[in-house]
Amino acid sequence: MMKIFNYRPYVFFALLILFLGTFLQAQVPLEGNFTFDKSIAPNANGLMMEMSQPANLVTQAIQNRFSSFSQAKMKDMGKGMFAYEATMYPEISANTLTYYFRVEEPTKKSTKTKVFLFLSPGYDNFLTTDKYWQEMQNAQRFLTLIPDEAQKLSLKGEIETVNEAVSSDQKELEKVVSDKEKLAKEIAKMEADLQNLKKQMTELEAAETKVKARIDEKKQSIDGLNQTLRKVDGQ
C-alpha cells in the first residue's frame, strides 16, 4: 500500500518560521554600523528598531522616558536627531554617557518609523555589544518599551480629543437646554396671556350681548312710541 506523504506539519512550521522571522525583524532592535552625524562621525555603531507608531509619538515617548529618569536636557541636532549629553540614565548604564537618537519618518520603501540609538562615552567612541554587553542589552530593552509608550500617548491623545469633543457638546447642550427653558417660559407667558385674552374676549362678548339687548329693548320702546304717535296723529 502506497504511503501518503503528510506535508501539513512542514507547511505549518514553514509558515511559523516565516511569521517569527517577520515578527522578530519588526520587534527586535538590530545592532549595526549606521549613518551618523558628519560633524562627529559619518558612521557609528548603534541600534535600530522599526516601529509602527508615528515618528512624533515615538520621539515624545523617548523624551518622556528620559525626563522621568534623568534631569538632562535634550539637545536638538536637526533632521530628526537629538541627544542627551553626558547623562547618567540608570535603566541603561550607571556610567555617564551621551545618548544619540535619530527618528526617521516612514518612506515609500519603508512604512515603519525607524529609531536609531547610539551610546557614546565621549568624542567619536561608541558602545558595542562585544565590549559593553550589559549596556547594549539594556539599550535594546529600552527601545522595545518605546512602542507601548507611544501607543499610550496615542490613546491618551484620542481620549483627550474625545473629551474635548464631549466638553464642546456639553456646552452646546447647556445652551440648548437654556434656550429650551427660555422658550418654555415664553410659551407659558404666551399661554397665560392667551387665557387672559380669552377671558377678556368672554367679557366683551357678554358686554356685547348686554348692549345689544339694551339696544333691542330701546328699539322696541321706540317702535311702541311711534305707534302711539301715529294713533295720536290719526285722531
Protein backbone atom coordinates (compact mmCIF):
# COMPACT_ATOMS: atom_id res chain seq x y z
CA MET A 1 0.00 0.00 0.00
CA MET A 2 1.37 3.38 -1.00
CA LYS A 3 2.19 5.65 1.94
CA ILE A 4 0.76 9.14 1.56
CA PHE A 5 3.21 11.89 2.48
CA ASN A 6 1.75 14.23 5.09
CA TYR A 7 3.06 17.69 4.17
CA ARG A 8 0.87 19.69 6.56
CA PRO A 9 3.28 19.76 9.55
CA TYR A 10 6.08 21.02 7.29
CA VAL A 11 3.87 23.76 5.86
CA PHE A 12 2.85 24.78 9.38
CA PHE A 13 6.46 25.01 10.59
CA ALA A 14 7.49 26.90 7.44
CA LEU A 15 4.74 29.45 8.00
CA LEU A 16 5.62 29.64 11.69
CA ILE A 17 9.28 30.33 10.90
CA LEU A 18 8.27 32.95 8.33
CA PHE A 19 5.94 34.61 10.85
CA LEU A 20 8.51 34.57 13.63
CA GLY A 21 11.15 35.93 11.29
CA THR A 22 8.92 38.81 10.30
CA PHE A 23 7.86 39.41 13.92
CA LEU A 24 11.41 39.42 15.23
CA GLN A 25 12.62 41.68 12.46
CA ALA A 26 9.88 44.17 13.30
CA GLN A 27 10.10 43.96 17.08
CA VAL A 28 13.75 43.36 17.98
CA PRO A 29 16.40 46.12 17.78
CA LEU A 30 19.23 45.36 15.39
CA GLU A 31 22.84 46.32 16.05
CA GLY A 32 24.94 47.62 13.20
CA ASN A 33 27.07 50.37 11.71
CA PHE A 34 24.66 53.12 10.75
CA THR A 35 24.88 56.60 9.26
CA PHE A 36 25.60 59.11 12.00
CA ASP A 37 26.36 62.84 12.18
CA LYS A 38 29.10 64.07 9.84
CA SER A 39 30.34 66.64 12.34
CA ILE A 40 31.15 63.82 14.80
CA ALA A 41 31.48 60.64 12.74
CA PRO A 42 29.99 59.68 9.36
CA ASN A 43 29.07 56.23 10.68
CA ALA A 44 28.76 54.73 14.13
CA ASN A 45 27.83 51.51 15.85
CA GLY A 46 24.34 51.62 17.27
CA LEU A 47 20.90 50.05 17.43
CA MET A 48 18.00 50.36 15.03
CA MET A 49 14.39 49.36 15.56
CA GLU A 50 11.34 49.73 13.34
CA MET A 51 8.09 50.81 14.97
CA SER A 52 4.51 51.09 13.72
CA GLN A 53 3.74 54.26 15.67
CA PRO A 54 4.10 57.75 14.12
CA ALA A 55 7.51 59.43 14.43
CA ASN A 56 6.23 62.32 16.54
CA LEU A 57 4.73 59.97 19.15
CA VAL A 58 7.88 57.81 19.19
CA THR A 59 10.01 60.92 19.76
CA GLN A 60 7.70 62.09 22.54
CA ALA A 61 7.79 58.65 24.19
CA ILE A 62 11.61 58.64 24.20
CA GLN A 63 11.77 62.15 25.63
CA ASN A 64 9.19 61.29 28.29
CA ARG A 65 11.18 58.29 29.49
CA PHE A 66 14.38 60.30 29.69
CA SER A 67 12.71 63.15 31.53
CA SER A 68 11.36 60.61 34.05
CA PHE A 69 14.79 59.18 34.92
CA SER A 70 17.20 61.99 34.13
CA GLN A 71 17.47 65.75 34.59
CA ALA A 72 19.47 66.11 31.38
CA LYS A 73 18.14 68.48 28.76
CA MET A 74 17.57 67.33 25.22
CA LYS A 75 19.79 68.79 22.51
CA ASP A 76 18.08 69.11 19.13
CA MET A 77 20.57 68.26 16.38
CA GLY A 78 18.12 68.63 13.47
CA LYS A 79 16.86 66.19 10.86
CA GLY A 80 15.12 64.05 13.46
CA MET A 81 18.25 63.66 15.55
CA PHE A 82 18.56 64.67 19.21
CA ALA A 83 20.89 63.89 22.08
CA TYR A 84 21.20 63.76 25.85
CA GLU A 85 24.78 64.71 26.54
CA ALA A 86 26.88 63.47 29.50
CA THR A 87 23.88 61.83 31.08
CA MET A 88 23.53 59.10 33.68
CA TYR A 89 20.49 57.04 32.75
CA PRO A 90 20.20 54.17 35.28
CA GLU A 91 17.96 51.99 33.12
CA ILE A 92 20.78 51.62 30.62
CA SER A 93 24.06 52.37 32.37
CA ALA A 94 25.46 53.55 35.70
CA ASN A 95 28.14 55.40 33.76
CA THR A 96 27.85 58.84 32.21
CA LEU A 97 27.12 58.52 28.50
CA THR A 98 25.83 60.62 25.66
CA TYR A 99 22.69 59.15 24.11
CA TYR A 100 22.08 59.99 20.47
CA PHE A 101 18.68 59.29 18.91
CA ARG A 102 17.53 59.61 15.33
CA VAL A 103 13.87 59.10 14.47
CA GLU A 104 13.11 58.71 10.78
CA GLU A 105 9.67 59.16 9.25
CA PRO A 106 8.19 56.29 7.19
CA THR A 107 9.02 56.38 3.49
CA LYS A 108 7.66 54.78 0.33
CA LYS A 109 10.16 51.94 0.76
CA SER A 110 9.54 51.51 4.49
CA THR A 111 6.15 52.06 6.08
CA LYS A 112 7.64 51.89 9.58
CA THR A 113 9.18 54.58 11.76
CA LYS A 114 12.89 53.89 12.23
CA VAL A 115 14.57 54.66 15.54
CA PHE A 116 18.35 54.71 15.91
CA LEU A 117 20.15 54.79 19.26
CA PHE A 118 23.87 55.43 19.63
CA LEU A 119 25.64 55.30 23.00
CA SER A 120 28.89 57.21 23.35
CA PRO A 121 31.28 57.53 26.33
CA GLY A 122 32.75 60.59 24.59
CA TYR A 123 34.12 62.03 21.36
CA ASP A 124 33.68 59.61 18.42
CA ASN A 125 33.65 56.45 20.52
CA PHE A 126 30.52 54.30 20.55
CA LEU A 127 29.50 51.30 22.59
CA THR A 128 29.32 47.82 21.03
CA THR A 129 27.95 44.56 22.37
CA ASP A 130 31.43 43.00 22.28
CA LYS A 131 32.77 45.37 24.94
CA TYR A 132 29.61 46.63 26.63
CA TRP A 133 27.21 43.73 26.54
CA GLN A 134 25.07 44.78 29.51
CA GLU A 135 24.66 48.40 28.38
CA MET A 136 23.69 47.33 24.87
CA GLN A 137 21.21 44.78 26.21
CA ASN A 138 19.68 47.46 28.40
CA ALA A 139 19.54 49.83 25.43
CA GLN A 140 17.74 47.18 23.38
CA ARG A 141 15.23 46.71 26.18
CA PHE A 142 14.76 50.49 26.33
CA LEU A 143 13.86 50.58 22.63
CA THR A 144 11.41 47.67 22.96
CA LEU A 145 9.47 49.68 25.56
CA ILE A 146 9.00 52.69 23.28
CA PRO A 147 6.21 51.30 21.01
CA ASP A 148 3.94 50.70 24.00
CA GLU A 149 4.76 54.15 25.39
CA ALA A 150 3.98 55.71 22.00
CA GLN A 151 0.75 53.72 21.80
CA LYS A 152 -0.26 55.01 25.24
CA LEU A 153 0.40 58.56 24.07
CA SER A 154 -1.75 57.92 21.01
CA LEU A 155 -4.60 56.57 23.13
CA LYS A 156 -4.28 59.44 25.61
CA GLY A 157 -4.38 61.86 22.68
CA GLU A 158 -7.52 60.20 21.34
CA ILE A 159 -9.11 60.26 24.79
CA GLU A 160 -8.24 63.95 25.17
CA THR A 161 -9.70 64.69 21.73
CA VAL A 162 -12.92 62.85 22.59
CA ASN A 163 -13.07 64.60 25.99
CA GLU A 164 -12.69 67.96 24.26
CA ALA A 165 -15.48 67.00 21.85
CA VAL A 166 -17.66 65.90 24.78
CA SER A 167 -16.89 69.17 26.59
CA SER A 168 -17.82 71.14 23.48
CA ASP A 169 -21.01 69.11 23.07
CA GLN A 170 -21.79 69.59 26.77
CA LYS A 171 -21.52 73.37 26.38
CA GLU A 172 -23.75 73.19 23.30
CA LEU A 173 -26.21 71.02 25.25
CA GLU A 174 -26.26 73.52 28.12
CA LYS A 175 -27.03 76.30 25.64
CA VAL A 176 -29.77 74.22 24.00
CA VAL A 177 -31.30 73.41 27.42
CA SER A 178 -31.08 77.09 28.42
CA ASP A 179 -32.73 78.19 25.17
CA LYS A 180 -35.36 75.50 25.64
CA GLU A 181 -36.12 76.74 29.18
CA LYS A 182 -36.37 80.35 27.96
CA LEU A 183 -38.72 79.27 25.17
CA ALA A 184 -40.80 77.25 27.64
CA LYS A 185 -41.13 80.35 29.84
CA GLU A 186 -42.13 82.43 26.82
CA ILE A 187 -44.70 79.81 25.83
CA ALA A 188 -46.04 79.72 29.41
CA LYS A 189 -46.30 83.52 29.37
CA MET A 190 -47.97 83.47 25.97
CA GLU A 191 -50.41 80.81 27.20
CA ALA A 192 -51.17 82.92 30.29
CA ASP A 193 -51.63 85.96 28.05
CA LEU A 194 -53.85 83.90 25.78
CA GLN A 195 -56.01 82.80 28.73
CA ASN A 196 -56.25 86.43 29.81
CA LEU A 197 -57.23 87.47 26.28
CA LYS A 198 -59.82 84.70 26.16
CA LYS A 199 -61.21 85.95 29.46
CA GLN A 200 -61.33 89.49 28.09
CA MET A 201 -62.97 88.17 24.93
CA THR A 202 -65.63 86.38 27.00
CA GLU A 203 -66.27 89.57 28.99
CA LEU A 204 -66.51 91.62 25.79
CA GLU A 205 -68.88 89.09 24.25
CA ALA A 206 -71.05 89.28 27.39
CA ALA A 207 -70.93 93.08 27.28
CA GLU A 208 -71.79 93.00 23.59
CA THR A 209 -74.78 90.78 24.25
CA LYS A 210 -75.94 93.04 27.07
CA VAL A 211 -75.57 96.20 24.96
CA LYS A 212 -77.37 94.56 22.04
CA ALA A 213 -80.19 93.59 24.40
CA ARG A 214 -80.48 97.17 25.63
CA ILE A 215 -80.47 98.46 22.08
CA ASP A 216 -83.16 95.97 21.07
CA GLU A 217 -85.16 96.95 24.11
CA LYS A 218 -84.86 100.63 23.26
CA LYS A 219 -85.73 99.97 19.64
CA GLN A 220 -88.85 98.16 20.75
CA SER A 221 -89.67 101.14 23.00
CA ILE A 222 -89.21 103.49 20.05
CA ASP A 223 -91.44 101.30 17.91
CA GLY A 224 -94.12 101.47 20.63
CA LEU A 225 -93.80 105.21 20.91
CA ASN A 226 -94.02 105.59 17.13
CA GLN A 227 -97.18 103.54 17.08
CA THR A 228 -98.67 105.73 19.81
CA LEU A 229 -97.60 108.83 17.89
CA ARG A 230 -99.32 107.61 14.75
CA LYS A 231 -102.50 106.97 16.66
CA VAL A 232 -102.43 110.46 18.08
CA ASP A 233 -101.82 111.93 14.62
CA GLY A 234 -104.74 109.96 13.22
CA GLN A 235 -107.28 111.36 15.63
